Amino acid sequence: MKVLISTSTQILVTMVFAEDIRKTILKLADERGPEKSFRPADVAQRIDHENWQVLIDQVGFVASVLVKEGKIRSKKNGDSIQFCKSTRQ
């Protein structure tokens, strides 16, 4: 959901609920399967292609919950974190 706030300048505020992020992560994990990983940026860009950078922290938080639930796995690739579908459901 996008909200446009008018003041002397226009500020675009992106509000995304955790459930939307959760659904997007799980859908991407299902599409790619357990062998293909994806980055938090991939999730954020699916939600808001123009303003995805502001969602990175939220995506990381929701993904960490899904890792704890065993829905997805995380793996470190160099300096970045990637996720993939868990093989234990």
N, C-alpha and C. Protein backbone atom coordinates (compact mmCIF):
# COMPACT_ATOMS: atom_id res chain seq x y z
N MET A 1 0.84 -1.15 0.00
CA MET A 1 0.00 0.00 0.00
C MET A 1 0.90 1.23 0.00
N LYS A 2 0.60 2.19 -0.85
CA LYS A 2 1.38 3.42 -0.92
C LYS A 2 0.50 4.59 -0.49
N VAL A 3 1.08 5.48 0.27
CA VAL A 3 0.36 6.66 0.71
C VAL A 3 1.16 7.87 0.28
N LEU A 4 0.52 8.80 -0.37
CA LEU A 4 1.20 10.02 -0.81
C LEU A 4 0.81 11.14 0.14
N ILE A 5 1.80 11.71 0.82
CA ILE A 5 1.56 12.78 1.77
C ILE A 5 1.97 14.09 1.11
N SER A 6 1.07 15.06 1.09
CA SER A 6 1.38 16.35 0.47
C SER A 6 1.75 17.35 1.54
N THR A 7 2.90 17.95 1.39
CA THR A 7 3.33 19.10 2.19
C THR A 7 3.94 20.05 1.19
N SER A 8 4.91 20.82 1.60
CA SER A 8 5.55 21.69 0.62
C SER A 8 6.26 20.86 -0.45
N THR A 9 6.70 19.67 -0.06
CA THR A 9 7.22 18.70 -1.03
C THR A 9 6.44 17.42 -0.85
N GLN A 10 6.41 16.61 -1.86
CA GLN A 10 5.67 15.36 -1.76
C GLN A 10 6.60 14.26 -1.25
N ILE A 11 6.11 13.53 -0.28
CA ILE A 11 6.88 12.44 0.30
C ILE A 11 6.09 11.15 0.09
N LEU A 12 6.75 10.18 -0.48
CA LEU A 12 6.10 8.89 -0.69
C LEU A 12 6.45 7.99 0.48
N VAL A 13 5.46 7.53 1.17
CA VAL A 13 5.66 6.63 2.29
C VAL A 13 5.11 5.27 1.90
N THR A 14 5.93 4.25 2.01
CA THR A 14 5.48 2.91 1.67
C THR A 14 5.19 2.17 2.96
N MET A 15 3.98 1.67 3.07
CA MET A 15 3.59 0.90 4.25
C MET A 15 3.30 -0.53 3.79
N VAL A 16 4.04 -1.43 4.31
CA VAL A 16 3.84 -2.83 3.97
C VAL A 16 3.68 -3.59 5.28
N PHE A 17 2.69 -4.40 5.35
CA PHE A 17 2.44 -5.16 6.56
C PHE A 17 3.26 -6.45 6.54
N ALA A 18 3.61 -6.92 7.73
CA ALA A 18 4.44 -8.11 7.86
C ALA A 18 3.83 -9.30 7.14
N GLU A 19 2.52 -9.41 7.15
CA GLU A 19 1.87 -10.55 6.49
C GLU A 19 2.08 -10.51 4.98
N ASP A 20 2.09 -9.32 4.38
CA ASP A 20 2.37 -9.19 2.95
C ASP A 20 3.79 -9.65 2.64
N ILE A 21 4.73 -9.27 3.49
CA ILE A 21 6.12 -9.67 3.31
C ILE A 21 6.24 -11.18 3.47
N ARG A 22 5.60 -11.71 4.48
CA ARG A 22 5.63 -13.16 4.74
C ARG A 22 5.12 -13.93 3.52
N LYS A 23 3.98 -13.51 2.99
CA LYS A 23 3.40 -14.19 1.82
C LYS A 23 4.33 -14.11 0.62
N THR A 24 4.95 -12.95 0.42
CA THR A 24 5.86 -12.78 -0.70
C THR A 24 7.09 -13.66 -0.56
N ILE A 25 7.65 -13.74 0.64
CA ILE A 25 8.81 -14.60 0.88
C ILE A 25 8.46 -16.06 0.61
N LEU A 26 7.33 -16.52 1.14
CA LEU A 26 6.94 -17.92 0.98
C LEU A 26 6.62 -18.24 -0.48
N LYS A 27 6.01 -17.30 -1.19
CA LYS A 27 5.72 -17.52 -2.61
C LYS A 27 7.02 -17.63 -3.41
N LEU A 28 7.95 -16.74 -3.14
CA LEU A 28 9.24 -16.78 -3.84
C LEU A 28 10.00 -18.07 -3.52
N ALA A 29 9.94 -18.49 -2.26
CA ALA A 29 10.59 -19.74 -1.87
C ALA A 29 9.98 -20.93 -2.59
N ASP A 30 8.66 -20.94 -2.71
CA ASP A 30 7.98 -22.03 -3.43
C ASP A 30 8.36 -22.03 -4.90
N GLU A 31 8.40 -20.85 -5.51
CA GLU A 31 8.73 -20.75 -6.93
C GLU A 31 10.15 -21.24 -7.21
N ARG A 32 11.07 -20.92 -6.33
CA ARG A 32 12.47 -21.26 -6.56
C ARG A 32 12.87 -22.62 -6.02
N GLY A 33 12.14 -23.12 -5.03
CA GLY A 33 12.46 -24.43 -4.46
C GLY A 33 13.65 -24.38 -3.52
N PRO A 34 14.01 -25.54 -2.96
CA PRO A 34 15.07 -25.58 -1.95
C PRO A 34 16.49 -25.40 -2.51
N GLU A 35 16.66 -25.53 -3.80
CA GLU A 35 18.00 -25.45 -4.38
C GLU A 35 18.39 -24.06 -4.88
N LYS A 36 17.41 -23.19 -5.12
CA LYS A 36 17.70 -21.85 -5.64
C LYS A 36 17.43 -20.82 -4.55
N SER A 37 18.42 -20.00 -4.27
CA SER A 37 18.28 -19.01 -3.21
C SER A 37 17.79 -17.67 -3.78
N PHE A 38 17.40 -16.80 -2.86
CA PHE A 38 16.98 -15.44 -3.21
C PHE A 38 17.42 -14.50 -2.11
N ARG A 39 17.56 -13.24 -2.47
CA ARG A 39 18.04 -12.23 -1.54
C ARG A 39 16.87 -11.43 -0.97
N PRO A 40 17.06 -10.78 0.17
CA PRO A 40 16.02 -9.89 0.69
C PRO A 40 15.60 -8.84 -0.34
N ALA A 41 16.54 -8.36 -1.14
CA ALA A 41 16.22 -7.36 -2.17
C ALA A 41 15.24 -7.92 -3.20
N ASP A 42 15.33 -9.22 -3.50
CA ASP A 42 14.39 -9.84 -4.46
C ASP A 42 12.97 -9.74 -3.93
N VAL A 43 12.82 -9.98 -2.63
CA VAL A 43 11.50 -9.92 -2.00
C VAL A 43 10.99 -8.48 -2.01
N ALA A 44 11.84 -7.56 -1.56
CA ALA A 44 11.44 -6.15 -1.48
C ALA A 44 11.06 -5.59 -2.85
N GLN A 45 11.79 -5.98 -3.89
CA GLN A 45 11.49 -5.49 -5.23
C GLN A 45 10.16 -6.03 -5.76
N ARG A 46 9.79 -7.21 -5.35
CA ARG A 46 8.48 -7.75 -5.76
C ARG A 46 7.34 -6.97 -5.12
N ILE A 47 7.59 -6.47 -3.92
CA ILE A 47 6.55 -5.74 -3.20
C ILE A 47 6.44 -4.30 -3.72
N ASP A 48 7.57 -3.64 -3.89
CA ASP A 48 7.58 -2.25 -4.35
C ASP A 48 8.84 -2.04 -5.19
N HIS A 49 8.68 -2.13 -6.49
CA HIS A 49 9.83 -2.08 -7.40
C HIS A 49 10.58 -0.74 -7.34
N GLU A 50 9.86 0.34 -7.08
CA GLU A 50 10.50 1.65 -7.07
C GLU A 50 11.17 2.00 -5.75
N ASN A 51 10.58 1.61 -4.65
CA ASN A 51 11.06 2.03 -3.32
C ASN A 51 11.48 0.84 -2.47
N TRP A 52 12.01 -0.18 -3.07
CA TRP A 52 12.30 -1.43 -2.39
C TRP A 52 13.32 -1.30 -1.27
N GLN A 53 14.23 -0.33 -1.37
CA GLN A 53 15.31 -0.21 -0.39
C GLN A 53 14.78 0.02 1.03
N VAL A 54 13.67 0.74 1.14
CA VAL A 54 13.13 1.04 2.47
C VAL A 54 12.54 -0.20 3.14
N LEU A 55 12.35 -1.27 2.39
CA LEU A 55 11.74 -2.49 2.93
C LEU A 55 12.75 -3.53 3.40
N ILE A 56 14.02 -3.32 3.12
CA ILE A 56 15.04 -4.34 3.38
C ILE A 56 15.04 -4.79 4.85
N ASP A 57 15.01 -3.86 5.78
CA ASP A 57 15.03 -4.24 7.20
C ASP A 57 13.80 -5.05 7.58
N GLN A 58 12.64 -4.63 7.08
CA GLN A 58 11.40 -5.36 7.37
C GLN A 58 11.46 -6.78 6.79
N VAL A 59 11.95 -6.90 5.58
CA VAL A 59 12.08 -8.21 4.94
C VAL A 59 13.01 -9.10 5.76
N GLY A 60 14.13 -8.54 6.19
CA GLY A 60 15.07 -9.32 7.00
C GLY A 60 14.46 -9.79 8.29
N PHE A 61 13.68 -8.96 8.94
CA PHE A 61 13.03 -9.35 10.19
C PHE A 61 12.03 -10.48 9.97
N VAL A 62 11.17 -10.31 8.99
CA VAL A 62 10.16 -11.34 8.71
C VAL A 62 10.83 -12.64 8.28
N ALA A 63 11.88 -12.55 7.49
CA ALA A 63 12.61 -13.75 7.06
C ALA A 63 13.23 -14.46 8.25
N SER A 64 13.74 -13.71 9.22
CA SER A 64 14.33 -14.36 10.41
C SER A 64 13.28 -15.14 11.19
N VAL A 65 12.07 -14.64 11.23
CA VAL A 65 10.97 -15.36 11.89
C VAL A 65 10.67 -16.65 11.11
N LEU A 66 10.64 -16.57 9.79
CA LEU A 66 10.37 -17.76 8.97
C LEU A 66 11.48 -18.80 9.10
N VAL A 67 12.71 -18.35 9.27
CA VAL A 67 13.83 -19.28 9.50
C VAL A 67 13.62 -20.01 10.82
N LYS A 68 13.25 -19.27 11.85
CA LYS A 68 13.00 -19.89 13.17
C LYS A 68 11.84 -20.87 13.12
N GLU A 69 10.86 -20.59 12.27
CA GLU A 69 9.70 -21.48 12.11
C GLU A 69 10.03 -22.69 11.23
N GLY A 70 11.19 -22.67 10.57
CA GLY A 70 11.58 -23.77 9.71
C GLY A 70 10.96 -23.73 8.32
N LYS A 71 10.37 -22.60 7.95
CA LYS A 71 9.74 -22.47 6.63
C LYS A 71 10.76 -22.21 5.52
N ILE A 72 11.82 -21.46 5.86
CA ILE A 72 12.89 -21.19 4.91
C ILE A 72 14.23 -21.41 5.62
N ARG A 73 15.28 -21.51 4.82
CA ARG A 73 16.65 -21.61 5.36
C ARG A 73 17.40 -20.36 4.98
N SER A 74 18.35 -19.99 5.81
CA SER A 74 19.22 -18.87 5.45
C SER A 74 20.61 -19.40 5.21
N LYS A 75 21.32 -18.74 4.34
CA LYS A 75 22.71 -19.11 4.10
C LYS A 75 23.49 -17.86 3.76
N LYS A 76 24.71 -17.83 4.21
CA LYS A 76 25.56 -16.68 3.97
C LYS A 76 26.34 -16.91 2.68
N ASN A 77 26.33 -15.89 1.84
CA ASN A 77 27.07 -15.95 0.57
C ASN A 77 27.95 -14.70 0.52
N GLY A 78 29.19 -14.86 0.94
CA GLY A 78 30.07 -13.70 1.02
C GLY A 78 29.58 -12.79 2.13
N ASP A 79 29.31 -11.55 1.79
CA ASP A 79 28.82 -10.59 2.78
C ASP A 79 27.30 -10.53 2.85
N SER A 80 26.62 -11.27 2.00
CA SER A 80 25.17 -11.16 1.97
C SER A 80 24.49 -12.42 2.52
N ILE A 81 23.28 -12.24 2.93
CA ILE A 81 22.44 -13.34 3.41
C ILE A 81 21.47 -13.69 2.28
N GLN A 82 21.30 -14.98 2.04
CA GLN A 82 20.34 -15.45 1.07
C GLN A 82 19.41 -16.45 1.74
N PHE A 83 18.24 -16.64 1.14
CA PHE A 83 17.26 -17.56 1.69
C PHE A 83 16.85 -18.56 0.62
N CYS A 84 16.37 -19.71 1.07
CA CYS A 84 15.79 -20.68 0.17
C CYS A 84 14.75 -21.48 0.94
N LYS A 85 13.94 -22.19 0.20
CA LYS A 85 12.87 -22.99 0.80
C LYS A 85 13.48 -24.07 1.67
N SER A 86 12.88 -24.28 2.82
CA SER A 86 13.34 -25.33 3.71
C SER A 86 12.90 -26.68 3.16
N THR A 87 13.74 -27.67 3.35
CA THR A 87 13.37 -29.01 2.93
C THR A 87 12.57 -29.71 4.01
N ARG A 88 12.52 -29.15 5.19
CA ARG A 88 11.68 -29.72 6.26
C ARG A 88 10.48 -28.83 6.44
N GLN A 89 9.32 -29.32 6.13
CA GLN A 89 8.10 -28.52 6.22
C GLN A 89 7.25 -29.01 7.31
